PDB file of N, CA and C in Angstrom:
ATOM      1  N   MET A   1     -36.162 -26.113  17.791  1.00  0.00           N
ATOM      2  CA  MET A   1     -35.972 -27.390  17.523  1.00  0.00           C
ATOM      3  C   MET A   1     -34.099 -27.534  18.225  1.00  0.00           C
ATOM      4  N   THR A   2     -33.896 -28.359  18.630  1.00  0.00           N
ATOM      5  CA  THR A   2     -32.642 -29.046  19.064  1.00  0.00           C
ATOM      6  C   THR A   2     -32.159 -30.321  18.635  1.00  0.00           C
ATOM      7  N   HIS A   3     -33.267 -30.814  17.829  1.00  0.00           N
ATOM      8  CA  HIS A   3     -32.719 -32.221  16.963  1.00  0.00           C
ATOM      9  C   HIS A   3     -31.559 -31.836  15.951  1.00  0.00           C
ATOM     10  N   HIS A   4     -30.626 -32.993  16.574  1.00  0.00           N
ATOM     11  CA  HIS A   4     -29.287 -32.680  16.070  1.00  0.00           C
ATOM     12  C   HIS A   4     -28.344 -31.532  15.717  1.00  0.00           C
ATOM     13  N   THR A   5     -28.362 -30.452  16.757  1.00  0.00           N
ATOM     14  CA  THR A   5     -27.800 -29.508  16.796  1.00  0.00           C
ATOM     15  C   THR A   5     -26.539 -29.518  16.675  1.00  0.00           C
ATOM     16  N   LEU A   6     -26.076 -30.733  17.408  1.00  0.00           N
ATOM     17  CA  LEU A   6     -24.598 -31.012  16.999  1.00  0.00           C
ATOM     18  C   LEU A   6     -24.408 -32.085  16.069  1.00  0.00           C
ATOM     19  N   ASP A   7     -24.480 -31.941  14.758  1.00  0.00           N
ATOM     20  CA  ASP A   7     -24.641 -32.812  13.894  1.00  0.00           C
ATOM     21  C   ASP A   7     -23.195 -32.793  12.928  1.00  0.00           C
ATOM     22  N   ARG A   8     -22.809 -33.204  12.128  1.00  0.00           N
ATOM     23  CA  ARG A   8     -21.285 -33.256  11.366  1.00  0.00           C
ATOM     24  C   ARG A   8     -20.674 -32.051  11.235  1.00  0.00           C
ATOM     25  N   ALA A   9     -21.648 -30.948  10.708  1.00  0.00           N
ATOM     26  CA  ALA A   9     -21.170 -29.652  10.825  1.00  0.00           C
ATOM     27  C   ALA A   9     -20.614 -29.048  11.812  1.00  0.00           C
ATOM     28  N   ALA A  10     -21.314 -29.135  13.069  1.00  0.00           N
ATOM     29  CA  ALA A  10     -21.100 -28.554  14.189  1.00  0.00           C
ATOM     30  C   ALA A  10     -19.699 -29.336  14.767  1.00  0.00           C
ATOM     31  N   LEU A  11     -19.690 -30.873  14.443  1.00  0.00           N
ATOM     32  CA  LEU A  11     -18.753 -31.441  15.266  1.00  0.00           C
ATOM     33  C   LEU A  11     -17.587 -30.804  14.577  1.00  0.00           C
ATOM     34  N   ARG A  12     -17.521 -30.724  13.065  1.00  0.00           N
ATOM     35  CA  ARG A  12     -16.460 -30.491  12.600  1.00  0.00           C
ATOM     36  C   ARG A  12     -15.638 -29.384  12.965  1.00  0.00           C
ATOM     37  N   ARG A  13     -16.422 -28.207  13.243  1.00  0.00           N
ATOM     38  CA  ARG A  13     -15.582 -26.910  13.718  1.00  0.00           C
ATOM     39  C   ARG A  13     -15.192 -26.978  15.302  1.00  0.00           C
ATOM     40  N   MET A  14     -15.364 -28.008  15.975  1.00  0.00           N
ATOM     41  CA  MET A  14     -14.525 -28.732  17.288  1.00  0.00           C
ATOM     42  C   MET A  14     -13.079 -28.693  17.232  1.00  0.00           C
ATOM     43  N   LYS A  15     -12.700 -28.219  17.949  1.00  0.00           N
ATOM     44  CA  LYS A  15     -11.130 -28.262  18.191  1.00  0.00           C
ATOM     45  C   LYS A  15     -10.517 -30.386  18.209  1.00  0.00           C
ATOM     46  N   PRO A  16      -9.995 -30.889  17.906  1.00  0.00           N
ATOM     47  CA  PRO A  16      -9.332 -32.167  17.593  1.00  0.00           C
ATOM     48  C   PRO A  16      -9.235 -32.786  19.186  1.00  0.00           C
ATOM     49  N   THR A  17      -8.754 -31.695  20.217  1.00  0.00           N
ATOM     50  CA  THR A  17      -8.918 -31.658  21.577  1.00  0.00           C
ATOM     51  C   THR A  17     -10.324 -31.677  22.824  1.00  0.00           C
ATOM     52  N   ALA A  18     -11.240 -31.247  22.216  1.00  0.00           N
ATOM     53  CA  ALA A  18     -12.609 -30.771  22.593  1.00  0.00           C
ATOM     54  C   ALA A  18     -12.995 -32.522  23.116  1.00  0.00           C
ATOM     55  N   VAL A  19     -13.631 -32.415  24.118  1.00  0.00           N
ATOM     56  CA  VAL A  19     -14.480 -33.364  24.814  1.00  0.00           C
ATOM     57  C   VAL A  19     -16.060 -33.368  24.701  1.00  0.00           C
ATOM     58  N   LEU A  20     -16.972 -33.607  24.003  1.00  0.00           N
ATOM     59  CA  LEU A  20     -17.872 -33.626  24.167  1.00  0.00           C
ATOM     60  C   LEU A  20     -19.092 -33.430  24.995  1.00  0.00           C
ATOM     61  N   VAL A  21     -19.457 -33.185  26.003  1.00  0.00           N
ATOM     62  CA  VAL A  21     -20.320 -33.273  27.354  1.00  0.00           C
ATOM     63  C   VAL A  21     -21.858 -33.045  27.120  1.00  0.00           C
ATOM     64  N   ASN A  22     -22.557 -34.322  26.835  1.00  0.00           N
ATOM     65  CA  ASN A  22     -23.964 -34.151  26.798  1.00  0.00           C
ATOM     66  C   ASN A  22     -24.969 -34.681  27.842  1.00  0.00           C
ATOM     67  N   THR A  23     -25.380 -33.868  28.653  1.00  0.00           N
ATOM     68  CA  THR A  23     -26.003 -34.210  29.843  1.00  0.00           C
ATOM     69  C   THR A  23     -27.531 -33.549  29.757  1.00  0.00           C
ATOM     70  N   ALA A  24     -27.967 -33.263  28.331  1.00  0.00           N
ATOM     71  CA  ALA A  24     -28.936 -33.027  28.244  1.00  0.00           C
ATOM     72  C   ALA A  24     -29.960 -33.627  27.141  1.00  0.00           C
ATOM     73  N   ARG A  25     -30.488 -33.573  26.491  1.00  0.00           N
ATOM     74  CA  ARG A  25     -31.200 -34.537  25.602  1.00  0.00           C
ATOM     75  C   ARG A  25     -30.155 -35.488  24.821  1.00  0.00           C
ATOM     76  N   GLY A  26     -30.348 -36.519  24.478  1.00  0.00           N
ATOM     77  CA  GLY A  26     -30.221 -37.260  23.580  1.00  0.00           C
ATOM     78  C   GLY A  26     -30.180 -36.987  22.027  1.00  0.00           C
ATOM     79  N   PRO A  27     -31.142 -36.402  21.742  1.00  0.00           N
ATOM     80  CA  PRO A  27     -31.275 -36.326  20.137  1.00  0.00           C
ATOM     81  C   PRO A  27     -30.749 -35.103  19.818  1.00  0.00           C
ATOM     82  N   ILE A  28     -30.201 -34.056  20.850  1.00  0.00           N
ATOM     83  CA  ILE A  28     -29.316 -32.784  20.392  1.00  0.00           C
ATOM     84  C   ILE A  28     -28.161 -33.108  19.213  1.00  0.00           C
ATOM     85  N   VAL A  29     -27.491 -34.428  19.736  1.00  0.00           N
ATOM     86  CA  VAL A  29     -26.394 -34.850  19.203  1.00  0.00           C
ATOM     87  C   VAL A  29     -26.649 -35.859  18.252  1.00  0.00           C
ATOM     88  N   GLU A  30     -26.225 -36.080  16.897  1.00  0.00           N
ATOM     89  CA  GLU A  30     -26.415 -36.901  15.933  1.00  0.00           C
ATOM     90  C   GLU A  30     -25.498 -37.807  16.033  1.00  0.00           C
ATOM     91  N   ASP A  31     -25.707 -39.014  16.695  1.00  0.00           N
ATOM     92  CA  ASP A  31     -24.964 -40.348  16.825  1.00  0.00           C
ATOM     93  C   ASP A  31     -24.007 -40.620  16.017  1.00  0.00           C
ATOM     94  N   ALA A  32     -24.509 -41.007  14.879  1.00  0.00           N
ATOM     95  CA  ALA A  32     -23.511 -41.243  13.992  1.00  0.00           C
ATOM     96  C   ALA A  32     -22.620 -40.387  13.342  1.00  0.00           C
ATOM     97  N   ALA A  33     -22.815 -38.821  13.752  1.00  0.00           N
ATOM     98  CA  ALA A  33     -21.744 -37.700  13.196  1.00  0.00           C
ATOM     99  C   ALA A  33     -20.875 -37.845  14.340  1.00  0.00           C
ATOM    100  N   LEU A  34     -21.145 -38.420  15.890  1.00  0.00           N
ATOM    101  CA  LEU A  34     -20.407 -37.974  16.768  1.00  0.00           C
ATOM    102  C   LEU A  34     -19.606 -39.589  16.512  1.00  0.00           C
ATOM    103  N   HIS A  35     -19.966 -40.686  16.100  1.00  0.00           N
ATOM    104  CA  HIS A  35     -19.304 -41.991  16.056  1.00  0.00           C
ATOM    105  C   HIS A  35     -18.151 -41.443  15.047  1.00  0.00           C
ATOM    106  N   GLU A  36     -18.297 -41.076  13.736  1.00  0.00           N
ATOM    107  CA  GLU A  36     -17.895 -40.648  12.912  1.00  0.00           C
ATOM    108  C   GLU A  36     -16.428 -39.427  13.293  1.00  0.00           C
ATOM    109  N   ALA A  37     -16.637 -38.360  13.957  1.00  0.00           N
ATOM    110  CA  ALA A  37     -16.065 -37.785  14.389  1.00  0.00           C
ATOM    111  C   ALA A  37     -14.925 -38.427  15.541  1.00  0.00           C
ATOM    112  N   LEU A  38     -15.434 -39.199  16.288  1.00  0.00           N
ATOM    113  CA  LEU A  38     -14.391 -39.539  17.299  1.00  0.00           C
ATOM    114  C   LEU A  38     -13.707 -40.894  16.736  1.00  0.00           C
ATOM    115  N   THR A  39     -14.342 -41.617  15.413  1.00  0.00           N
ATOM    116  CA  THR A  39     -13.171 -42.439  14.918  1.00  0.00           C
ATOM    117  C   THR A  39     -12.545 -41.744  14.114  1.00  0.00           C
ATOM    118  N   GLU A  40     -12.656 -40.613  13.645  1.00  0.00           N
ATOM    119  CA  GLU A  40     -11.752 -40.003  12.899  1.00  0.00           C
ATOM    120  C   GLU A  40     -10.631 -38.953  13.081  1.00  0.00           C
ATOM    121  N   GLY A  41     -10.846 -38.651  14.694  1.00  0.00           N
ATOM    122  CA  GLY A  41      -9.994 -37.807  14.942  1.00  0.00           C
ATOM    123  C   GLY A  41     -10.554 -36.373  15.306  1.00  0.00           C
ATOM    124  N   TRP A  42     -11.893 -35.793  15.244  1.00  0.00           N
ATOM    125  CA  TRP A  42     -12.167 -34.734  14.861  1.00  0.00           C
ATOM    126  C   TRP A  42     -12.160 -34.122  16.314  1.00  0.00           C
ATOM    127  N   ILE A  43     -12.400 -34.818  17.009  1.00  0.00           N
ATOM    128  CA  ILE A  43     -12.610 -34.484  18.641  1.00  0.00           C
ATOM    129  C   ILE A  43     -12.129 -35.346  19.279  1.00  0.00           C
ATOM    130  N   ALA A  44     -11.761 -35.338  20.575  1.00  0.00           N
ATOM    131  CA  ALA A  44     -10.623 -36.318  21.362  1.00  0.00           C
ATOM    132  C   ALA A  44     -11.869 -37.217  22.132  1.00  0.00           C
ATOM    133  N   GLY A  45     -12.983 -36.446  22.690  1.00  0.00           N
ATOM    134  CA  GLY A  45     -14.009 -37.850  23.327  1.00  0.00           C
ATOM    135  C   GLY A  45     -15.181 -36.938  23.502  1.00  0.00           C
ATOM    136  N   ALA A  46     -16.021 -37.968  23.970  1.00  0.00           N
ATOM    137  CA  ALA A  46     -17.647 -37.460  24.358  1.00  0.00           C
ATOM    138  C   ALA A  46     -17.689 -38.171  25.754  1.00  0.00           C
ATOM    139  N   ALA A  47     -18.736 -37.894  26.650  1.00  0.00           N
ATOM    140  CA  ALA A  47     -19.211 -38.481  27.778  1.00  0.00           C
ATOM    141  C   ALA A  47     -21.054 -37.995  27.692  1.00  0.00           C
ATOM    142  N   LEU A  48     -21.449 -38.470  27.677  1.00  0.00           N
ATOM    143  CA  LEU A  48     -23.492 -38.813  27.271  1.00  0.00           C
ATOM    144  C   LEU A  48     -24.057 -39.390  28.289  1.00  0.00           C
ATOM    145  N   ASP A  49     -24.599 -38.162  28.791  1.00  0.00           N
ATOM    146  CA  ASP A  49     -25.754 -38.893  29.586  1.00  0.00           C
ATOM    147  C   ASP A  49     -27.188 -39.316  29.139  1.00  0.00           C
ATOM    148  N   ASP A  50     -26.987 -39.622  27.694  1.00  0.00           N
ATOM    149  CA  ASP A  50     -28.069 -39.938  27.041  1.00  0.00           C
ATOM    150  C   ASP A  50     -27.799 -40.215  25.710  1.00  0.00           C
ATOM    151  N   LEU A  51     -28.344 -41.067  24.735  1.00  0.00           N
ATOM    152  CA  LEU A  51     -28.050 -41.252  23.380  1.00  0.00           C
ATOM    153  C   LEU A  51     -29.186 -40.693  22.687  1.00  0.00           C
ATOM    154  N   GLU A  52     -28.840 -40.848  21.203  1.00  0.00           N
ATOM    155  CA  GLU A  52     -30.214 -40.406  20.291  1.00  0.00           C
ATOM    156  C   GLU A  52     -31.272 -41.311  20.758  1.00  0.00           C
ATOM    157  N   GLU A  53     -31.355 -42.433  20.784  1.00  0.00           N
ATOM    158  CA  GLU A  53     -32.206 -43.097  20.838  1.00  0.00           C
ATOM    159  C   GLU A  53     -32.158 -43.816  22.414  1.00  0.00           C
ATOM    160  N   GLU A  54     -32.594 -43.245  23.276  1.00  0.00           N
ATOM    161  CA  GLU A  54     -32.658 -43.630  24.792  1.00  0.00           C
ATOM    162  C   GLU A  54     -32.849 -45.399  25.086  1.00  0.00           C
ATOM    163  N   PRO A  55     -32.093 -45.669  25.698  1.00  0.00           N
ATOM    164  CA  PRO A  55     -32.142 -47.644  25.611  1.00  0.00           C
ATOM    165  C   PRO A  55     -33.249 -47.893  26.675  1.00  0.00           C
ATOM    166  N   ALA A  56     -33.709 -46.898  27.382  1.00  0.00           N
ATOM    167  CA  ALA A  56     -35.009 -47.646  28.552  1.00  0.00           C
ATOM    168  C   ALA A  56     -36.201 -47.010  27.737  1.00  0.00           C
ATOM    169  N   LYS A  57     -36.471 -46.482  26.828  1.00  0.00           N
ATOM    170  CA  LYS A  57     -37.558 -46.162  26.371  1.00  0.00           C
ATOM    171  C   LYS A  57     -37.902 -47.157  24.798  1.00  0.00           C
ATOM    172  N   GLN A  58     -37.136 -48.430  24.789  1.00  0.00           N
ATOM    173  CA  GLN A  58     -37.056 -49.312  23.294  1.00  0.00           C
ATOM    174  C   GLN A  58     -37.401 -50.839  24.244  1.00  0.00           C
ATOM    175  N   ARG A  59     -38.136 -51.152  23.662  1.00  0.00           N
ATOM    176  CA  ARG A  59     -38.735 -52.558  24.368  1.00  0.00           C
ATOM    177  C   ARG A  59     -37.680 -53.403  23.278  1.00  0.00           C
ATOM    178  N   ASP A  60     -37.042 -54.582  24.311  1.00  0.00           N
ATOM    179  CA  ASP A  60     -36.333 -55.579  23.857  1.00  0.00           C
ATOM    180  C   ASP A  60     -34.947 -55.006  23.484  1.00  0.00           C
ATOM    181  N   TRP A  61     -34.252 -53.784  24.190  1.00  0.00           N
ATOM    182  CA  TRP A  61     -33.206 -53.077  23.976  1.00  0.00           C
ATOM    183  C   TRP A  61     -31.826 -54.106  24.055  1.00  0.00           C
ATOM    184  N   ARG A  62     -31.052 -53.811  22.771  1.00  0.00           N
ATOM    185  CA  ARG A  62     -29.409 -54.432  23.253  1.00  0.00           C
ATOM    186  C   ARG A  62     -28.686 -53.461  22.901  1.00  0.00           C
ATOM    187  N   PRO A  63     -27.524 -53.493  23.323  1.00  0.00           N
ATOM    188  CA  PRO A  63     -26.763 -52.646  23.305  1.00  0.00           C
ATOM    189  C   PRO A  63     -25.874 -52.453  21.791  1.00  0.00           C
ATOM    190  N   GLY A  64     -26.343 -52.211  21.133  1.00  0.00           N
ATOM    191  CA  GLY A  64     -26.069 -52.431  19.430  1.00  0.00           C
ATOM    192  C   GLY A  64     -25.282 -50.655  19.004  1.00  0.00           C
ATOM    193  N   ASN A  65     -25.272 -49.796  19.991  1.00  0.00           N
ATOM    194  CA  ASN A  65     -24.640 -48.359  19.384  1.00  0.00           C
ATOM    195  C   ASN A  65     -23.866 -48.690  19.052  1.00  0.00           C
ATOM    196  N   PRO A  66     -23.152 -48.506  18.178  1.00  0.00           N
ATOM    197  CA  PRO A  66     -21.510 -48.283  18.124  1.00  0.00           C
ATOM    198  C   PRO A  66     -20.633 -47.364  19.013  1.00  0.00           C
ATOM    199  N   LEU A  67     -21.157 -46.206  19.388  1.00  0.00           N
ATOM    200  CA  LEU A  67     -20.658 -45.402  20.413  1.00  0.00           C
ATOM    201  C   LEU A  67     -20.174 -46.415  21.988  1.00  0.00           C
ATOM    202  N   PHE A  68     -21.001 -47.446  21.726  1.00  0.00           N
ATOM    203  CA  PHE A  68     -20.443 -47.939  23.325  1.00  0.00           C
ATOM    204  C   PHE A  68     -19.413 -48.866  23.297  1.00  0.00           C
ATOM    205  N   ALA A  69     -18.608 -49.008  21.953  1.00  0.00           N
ATOM    206  CA  ALA A  69     -17.710 -49.703  21.616  1.00  0.00           C
ATOM    207  C   ALA A  69     -15.958 -48.803  21.595  1.00  0.00           C
ATOM    208  N   LEU A  70     -16.462 -47.451  21.575  1.00  0.00           N
ATOM    209  CA  LEU A  70     -15.684 -46.635  21.547  1.00  0.00           C
ATOM    210  C   LEU A  70     -14.465 -46.313  23.134  1.00  0.00           C
ATOM    211  N   PRO A  71     -13.096 -45.927  23.106  1.00  0.00           N
ATOM    212  CA  PRO A  71     -12.590 -46.187  24.267  1.00  0.00           C
ATOM    213  C   PRO A  71     -12.614 -44.561  24.759  1.00  0.00           C
ATOM    214  N   ASN A  72     -13.009 -43.838  23.701  1.00  0.00           N
ATOM    215  CA  ASN A  72     -12.877 -42.507  24.235  1.00  0.00           C
ATOM    216  C   ASN A  72     -14.275 -42.114  24.560  1.00  0.00           C
ATOM    217  N   VAL A  73     -15.524 -42.991  25.007  1.00  0.00           N
ATOM    218  CA  VAL A  73     -16.750 -42.287  25.078  1.00  0.00           C
ATOM    219  C   VAL A  73     -17.235 -42.988  26.469  1.00  0.00           C
ATOM    220  N   ILE A  74     -17.806 -42.015  26.976  1.00  0.00           N
ATOM    221  CA  ILE A  74     -18.333 -42.990  28.554  1.00  0.00           C
ATOM    222  C   ILE A  74     -20.022 -42.161  28.240  1.00  0.00           C
ATOM    223  N   VAL A  75     -20.780 -43.234  28.405  1.00  0.00           N
ATOM    224  CA  VAL A  75     -22.019 -43.145  28.690  1.00  0.00           C
ATOM    225  C   VAL A  75     -22.801 -43.623  30.124  1.00  0.00           C
ATOM    226  N   THR A  76     -23.740 -42.606  30.506  1.00  0.00           N
ATOM    227  CA  THR A  76     -24.129 -42.880  31.469  1.00  0.00           C
ATOM    228  C   THR A  76     -25.647 -43.115  31.426  1.00  0.00           C
ATOM    229  N   PRO A  77     -26.462 -43.707  32.277  1.00  0.00           N
ATOM    230  CA  PRO A  77     -27.618 -44.227  32.034  1.00  0.00           C
ATOM    231  C   PRO A  77     -28.627 -42.950  32.571  1.00  0.00           C
ATOM    232  N   HIS A  78     -29.053 -42.126  31.970  1.00  0.00           N
ATOM    233  CA  HIS A  78     -29.404 -40.716  31.973  1.00  0.00           C
ATOM    234  C   HIS A  78     -29.512 -40.322  33.185  1.00  0.00           C
ATOM    235  N   ALA A  79     -28.880 -40.364  34.121  1.00  0.00           N
ATOM    236  CA  ALA A  79     -29.266 -40.386  35.599  1.00  0.00           C
ATOM    237  C   ALA A  79     -28.057 -39.343  36.151  1.00  0.00           C
ATOM    238  N   ALA A  80     -26.862 -38.907  35.244  1.00  0.00           N
ATOM    239  CA  ALA A  80     -25.782 -38.110  35.511  1.00  0.00           C
ATOM    240  C   ALA A  80     -26.195 -37.388  36.765  1.00  0.00           C
ATOM    241  N   TYR A  81     -27.232 -36.313  36.478  1.00  0.00           N
ATOM    242  CA  TYR A  81     -27.647 -35.183  37.609  1.00  0.00           C
ATOM    243  C   TYR A  81     -28.221 -35.928  38.826  1.00  0.00           C
ATOM    244  N   HIS A  82     -27.994 -37.293  39.218  1.00  0.00           N
ATOM    245  CA  HIS A  82     -28.404 -37.669  40.567  1.00  0.00           C
ATOM    246  C   HIS A  82     -27.598 -37.417  41.814  1.00  0.00           C
ATOM    247  N   SER A  83     -28.312 -36.941  42.940  1.00  0.00           N
ATOM    248  CA  SER A  83     -27.634 -36.772  43.983  1.00  0.00           C
ATOM    249  C   SER A  83     -28.853 -36.363  44.864  1.00  0.00           C
ATOM    250  N   GLU A  84     -28.485 -36.683  46.197  1.00  0.00           N
ATOM    251  CA  GLU A  84     -29.648 -36.393  46.909  1.00  0.00           C
ATOM    252  C   GLU A  84     -30.351 -34.839  47.088  1.00  0.00           C
ATOM    253  N   GLN A  85     -29.175 -34.214  46.676  1.00  0.00           N
ATOM    254  CA  GLN A  85     -29.882 -32.835  46.871  1.00  0.00           C
ATOM    255  C   GLN A  85     -30.228 -32.202  45.678  1.00  0.00           C
ATOM    256  N   ALA A  86     -29.866 -33.230  44.092  1.00  0.00           N
ATOM    257  CA  ALA A  86     -30.838 -32.576  43.322  1.00  0.00           C
ATOM    258  C   ALA A  86     -31.925 -33.370  43.045  1.00  0.00           C
ATOM    259  N   VAL A  87     -32.300 -34.361  43.929  1.00  0.00           N
ATOM    260  CA  VAL A  87     -33.690 -35.337  43.950  1.00  0.00           C
ATOM    261  C   VAL A  87     -34.602 -34.377  44.707  1.00  0.00           C
ATOM    262  N   GLU A  88     -33.861 -33.510  45.704  1.00  0.00           N
ATOM    263  CA  GLU A  88     -34.534 -32.750  46.703  1.00  0.00           C
ATOM    264  C   GLU A  88     -35.123 -31.122  45.947  1.00  0.00           C
ATOM    265  N   THR A  89     -34.173 -30.920  45.725  1.00  0.00           N
ATOM    266  CA  THR A  89     -34.416 -29.850  44.406  1.00  0.00           C
ATOM    267  C   THR A  89     -35.276 -29.907  43.629  1.00  0.00           C
ATOM    268  N   VAL A  90     -35.506 -30.935  42.778  1.00  0.00           N
ATOM    269  CA  VAL A  90     -36.466 -31.313  41.405  1.00  0.00           C
ATOM    270  C   VAL A  90     -37.695 -31.273  42.237  1.00  0.00           C
ATOM    271  N   ARG A  91     -37.757 -32.173  43.464  1.00  0.00           N
ATOM    272  CA  ARG A  91     -38.822 -32.475  43.819  1.00  0.00           C
ATOM    273  C   ARG A  91     -39.761 -30.970  44.575  1.00  0.00           C
ATOM    274  N   ARG A  92     -38.617 -30.229  44.972  1.00  0.00           N
ATOM    275  CA  ARG A  92     -39.259 -28.852  45.474  1.00  0.00           C
ATOM    276  C   ARG A  92     -39.834 -27.995  44.636  1.00  0.00           C
ATOM    277  N   VAL A  93     -38.942 -27.455  43.558  1.00  0.00           N
ATOM    278  CA  VAL A  93     -39.134 -26.859  42.405  1.00  0.00           C
ATOM    279  C   VAL A  93     -40.520 -27.491  42.025  1.00  0.00           C
ATOM    280  N   ALA A  94     -40.563 -28.662  41.760  1.00  0.00           N
ATOM    281  CA  ALA A  94     -41.989 -29.231  40.408  1.00  0.00           C
ATOM    282  C   ALA A  94     -43.357 -28.719  41.901  1.00  0.00           C
ATOM    283  N   ALA A  95     -42.942 -28.870  43.244  1.00  0.00           N
ATOM    284  CA  ALA A  95     -43.976 -28.742  43.948  1.00  0.00           C
ATOM    285  C   ALA A  95     -44.491 -27.462  44.301  1.00  0.00           C
ATOM    286  N   GLU A  96     -43.727 -26.334  43.903  1.00  0.00           N
ATOM    287  CA  GLU A  96     -43.589 -25.047  44.302  1.00  0.00           C
ATOM    288  C   GLU A  96     -44.214 -24.664  42.890  1.00  0.00           C
ATOM    289  N   GLU A  97     -43.742 -25.064  41.448  1.00  0.00           N
ATOM    290  CA  GLU A  97     -44.323 -24.878  40.337  1.00  0.00           C
ATOM    291  C   GLU A  97     -45.690 -25.180  39.936  1.00  0.00           C
ATOM    292  N   ALA A  98     -46.360 -26.283  40.811  1.00  0.00           N
ATOM    293  CA  ALA A  98     -47.610 -26.896  40.719  1.00  0.00           C
ATOM    294  C   ALA A  98     -48.429 -26.120  41.712  1.00  0.00           C
ATOM    295  N   VAL A  99     -48.079 -25.411  42.917  1.00  0.00           N
ATOM    296  CA  VAL A  99     -48.569 -24.148  43.545  1.00  0.00           C
ATOM    297  C   VAL A  99     -48.772 -23.222  43.050  1.00  0.00           C
ATOM    298  N   ARG A 100     -47.933 -22.461  42.023  1.00  0.00           N
ATOM    299  CA  ARG A 100     -48.019 -21.382  41.918  1.00  0.00           C
ATOM    300  C   ARG A 100     -48.728 -21.313  40.592  1.00  0.00           C
ATOM    301  N   VAL A 101     -49.007 -22.389  39.470  1.00  0.00           N
ATOM    302  CA  VAL A 101     -50.352 -22.577  38.341  1.00  0.00           C
ATOM    303  C   VAL A 101     -51.551 -22.670  38.897  1.00  0.00           C
ATOM    304  N   LEU A 102     -51.181 -23.812  40.482  1.00  0.00           N
ATOM    305  CA  LEU A 102     -53.110 -23.804  40.623  1.00  0.00           C
ATOM    306  C   LEU A 102     -53.450 -22.670  41.556  1.00  0.00           C
ATOM    307  N   THR A 103     -52.478 -21.803  41.867  1.00  0.00           N
ATOM    308  CA  THR A 103     -53.075 -20.664  42.376  1.00  0.00           C
ATOM    309  C   THR A 103     -53.005 -19.567  41.553  1.00  0.00           C
ATOM    310  N   GLY A 104     -53.140 -19.670  40.616  1.00  0.00           N
ATOM    311  CA  GLY A 104     -53.643 -18.995  39.313  1.00  0.00           C
ATOM    312  C   GLY A 104     -52.292 -17.681  38.766  1.00  0.00           C
ATOM    313  N   GLN A 105     -51.167 -17.766  39.616  1.00  0.00           N
ATOM    314  CA  GLN A 105     -50.101 -17.181  39.044  1.00  0.00           C
ATOM    315  C   GLN A 105     -49.149 -17.718  37.730  1.00  0.00           C
ATOM    316  N   GLY A 106     -48.493 -17.419  37.351  1.00  0.00           N
ATOM    317  CA  GLY A 106     -47.479 -17.557  36.151  1.00  0.00           C
ATOM    318  C   GLY A 106     -46.465 -18.712  36.470  1.00  0.00           C
ATOM    319  N   ALA A 107     -46.043 -19.527  35.709  1.00  0.00           N
ATOM    320  CA  ALA A 107     -45.294 -20.772  36.079  1.00  0.00           C
ATOM    321  C   ALA A 107     -43.697 -19.750  35.602  1.00  0.00           C
ATOM    322  N   ARG A 108     -43.021 -19.976  36.677  1.00  0.00           N
ATOM    323  CA  ARG A 108     -41.684 -19.408  36.600  1.00  0.00           C
ATOM    324  C   ARG A 108     -40.826 -19.727  35.453  1.00  0.00           C
ATOM    325  N   TYR A 109     -40.789 -21.073  35.342  1.00  0.00           N
ATOM    326  CA  TYR A 109     -40.229 -21.967  34.122  1.00  0.00           C
ATOM    327  C   TYR A 109     -40.665 -22.538  32.883  1.00  0.00           C
ATOM    328  N   PRO A 110     -41.762 -21.988  32.387  1.00  0.00           N
ATOM    329  CA  PRO A 110     -42.626 -22.616  31.210  1.00  0.00           C
ATOM    330  C   PRO A 110     -41.681 -22.861  30.481  1.00  0.00           C
ATOM    331  N   VAL A 111     -42.060 -24.412  29.386  1.00  0.00           N
ATOM    332  CA  VAL A 111     -41.345 -24.648  28.547  1.00  0.00           C
ATOM    333  C   VAL A 111     -41.483 -23.720  27.295  1.00  0.00           C
ATOM    334  N   ASN A 112     -42.722 -23.535  26.983  1.00  0.00           N
ATOM    335  CA  ASN A 112     -43.092 -22.552  25.987  1.00  0.00           C
ATOM    336  C   ASN A 112     -44.484 -21.483  26.661  1.00  0.00           C
ATOM    337  N   GLU A 113     -44.077 -20.294  26.188  1.00  0.00           N
ATOM    338  CA  GLU A 113     -45.481 -19.548  26.663  1.00  0.00           C
ATOM    339  C   GLU A 113     -46.780 -19.809  26.082  1.00  0.00           C
ATOM    340  N   VAL A 114     -47.936 -19.453  26.464  1.00  0.00           N
ATOM    341  CA  VAL A 114     -49.235 -19.694  26.432  1.00  0.00           C
ATOM    342  C   VAL A 114     -49.300 -18.467  25.160  1.00  0.00           C
ATOM    343  N   GLY A 115     -49.663 -18.965  23.866  1.00  0.00           N
ATOM    344  CA  GLY A 115     -50.308 -18.255  22.904  1.00  0.00           C
ATOM    345  C   GLY A 115     -48.954 -18.042  22.178  1.00  0.00           C
ATOM    346  N   LYS A 116     -47.485 -18.572  22.519  1.00  0.00           N
ATOM    347  CA  LYS A 116     -46.777 -18.407  21.543  1.00  0.00           C
ATOM    348  C   LYS A 116     -46.141 -19.762  20.969  1.00  0.00           C
ATOM    349  N   PRO A 117     -45.374 -20.211  19.794  1.00  0.00           N
ATOM    350  CA  PRO A 117     -45.562 -21.565  19.313  1.00  0.00           C
ATOM    351  C   PRO A 117     -43.819 -21.927  20.141  1.00  0.00           C
ATOM    352  N   GLY A 118     -43.927 -22.971  20.379  1.00  0.00           N
ATOM    353  CA  GLY A 118     -42.696 -23.709  20.982  1.00  0.00           C
ATOM    354  C   GLY A 118     -41.539 -23.576  20.421  1.00  0.00           C
TER     355      GLY A 118
END
C-alpha cells in the first residue's frame, strides 16, 4: 500500500531545502502532515498534481484544503502529464495491452499478477 507513504515521519527526514513533487496518486502524501511541514519549514515547497482527496471526485467541491493558501505550493488539476505525445502514448499502450490480453498473451504492465496478493 502507498497510502500516506509520505507522512510526518517521512517529511521530517527531508532536507529543509527539499521540494516535494507528487505526480502520482494524491493519497501517497498525507495532506495534514505536508501542511505542517510547509508551514513549519521542514521542507521548502511542494508541487502536487493531485491531493489526498481529489476535488473532481467530490460532489459540490469547495476549495477548503489549507494547502491552496500556501505560497510555497503549486497544485495542478491531476493533468500535469498532459501533452499531445502523452495522450498518444497512453492510447497506444492501452490498445496494445488490450490486444495482448485478448489474444492470450500476458499483460506487459499488470497492476498485480494473477494469484499473487496486490
